[in-house]
Protein backbone atom coordinates (compact mmCIF):
# COMPACT_ATOMS: atom_id res chain seq x y z
CA MET A 1 0.00 0.00 0.00
CA LYS A 2 1.27 3.40 -0.94
CA THR A 3 1.89 6.02 1.71
CA PRO A 4 -0.13 9.21 1.22
CA PRO A 5 1.71 12.26 -0.01
CA GLU A 6 3.33 14.44 2.63
CA SER A 7 1.14 17.43 1.73
CA PHE A 8 -1.96 15.33 2.46
CA LEU A 9 -0.59 14.36 5.89
CA ILE A 10 0.24 17.99 6.65
CA PHE A 11 -3.25 19.05 5.54
CA LYS A 12 -4.82 16.32 7.66
CA GLU A 13 -2.84 17.45 10.74
CA GLU A 14 -3.77 21.11 10.16
CA LEU A 15 -7.42 20.14 9.78
CA LYS A 16 -7.26 18.25 13.08
CA LYS A 17 -5.71 21.31 14.79
CA ALA A 18 -8.40 23.54 13.32
CA ARG A 19 -11.15 21.25 14.63
CA LEU A 20 -9.62 21.23 18.11
CA GLU A 21 -9.31 25.03 18.06
CA LYS A 22 -12.93 25.32 16.92
CA GLU A 23 -14.07 23.08 19.79
CA ARG A 24 -12.01 25.11 22.28
CA LEU A 25 -13.45 28.37 21.00
CA GLN A 26 -16.98 26.93 21.10
CA LYS A 27 -16.56 25.93 24.76
CA GLU A 28 -15.09 29.33 25.61
CA TYR A 29 -17.96 31.07 23.82
CA GLU A 30 -20.58 28.97 25.65
CA ALA A 31 -18.92 29.69 29.02
CA LYS A 32 -18.87 33.45 28.32
CA LEU A 33 -22.46 33.35 27.13
CA SER A 34 -23.50 31.53 30.28
CA GLU A 35 -21.73 34.13 32.45
CA MET A 36 -23.41 36.95 30.55
CA ASN A 37 -26.84 35.35 30.95
CA ILE A 38 -26.28 35.03 34.71
CA GLU A 39 -25.23 38.69 34.87
CA LEU A 40 -28.21 39.72 32.74
CA ASP A 41 -30.59 37.85 35.06
CA ARG A 42 -29.01 39.60 38.07
CA LEU A 43 -29.38 43.00 36.40
CA LYS A 44 -33.01 42.27 35.49
CA GLU A 45 -33.68 41.38 39.13
CA GLN A 46 -32.05 44.62 40.31
CA ILE A 47 -34.02 46.70 37.81
CA SER A 48 -37.23 45.02 38.91
CA ALA A 49 -36.46 45.73 42.57
CA GLN A 50 -35.66 49.37 41.78
CA GLN A 51 -38.88 49.74 39.78
CA GLU A 52 -40.86 48.32 42.68
CA LEU A 53 -39.12 50.73 45.08
CA MET A 54 -39.90 53.67 42.79
CA LYS A 55 -43.53 52.56 42.51
CA THR A 56 -43.84 52.32 46.29
CA THR A 57 -42.18 55.71 46.72
CA LEU A 58 -44.53 57.34 44.21
CA GLU A 59 -47.58 55.79 45.88
CA TYR A 60 -46.36 57.09 49.24
CA ALA A 61 -45.73 60.58 47.82
CA ILE A 62 -49.20 60.65 46.26
CA ARG A 63 -50.76 59.57 49.55
CA LEU A 64 -48.82 62.30 51.41
CA GLU A 65 -49.94 64.89 48.88
CA GLU A 66 -53.57 63.81 49.30
CA ASN A 67 -53.23 64.00 53.09
CA LEU A 68 -51.66 67.47 52.79
CA ASP A 69 -54.52 68.64 50.58
CA THR A 70 -57.04 67.29 53.09
CA PHE A 71 -55.18 69.00 55.93
CA LYS A 72 -55.15 72.32 54.03
CA VAL A 73 -58.93 72.07 53.55
CA GLU A 74 -59.42 71.30 57.24
CA VAL A 75 -57.25 74.25 58.26
CA ALA A 76 -59.07 76.54 55.85
CA ASN A 77 -62.47 75.44 57.21
CA THR A 78 -61.51 75.73 60.88
CA PRO A 79 -62.50 79.03 62.39
CA THR A 80 -59.46 81.10 63.20
CA MET A 81 -58.62 81.14 66.83
CA LYS A 82 -58.60 84.55 68.38
CA LYS A 83 -55.61 85.53 70.36
CA LYS A 84 -56.13 83.73 73.58
CA SER A 85 -54.28 84.37 76.72
CA PHE A 86 -53.27 81.39 78.72
CA HIS A 87 -52.95 83.50 81.89
């Protein structure tokens, strides 16, 4: 049986190296992608928590404003107290 030409053996070896490099890069890519997805999930959770905090803060501010308006009406409707002496 004839031995294959040297150029074929070199090509075959280079092809094998290229496949191994492709596999290595694929694994590296998948690991990076996994890390980024974990980070993205963490950021989504933080954004959600911040949105909830903002919503709660706005609701509280609205409630305070309503209470202030009610208080202003009560003060306006209360007869003014004459100067009273506590002596």
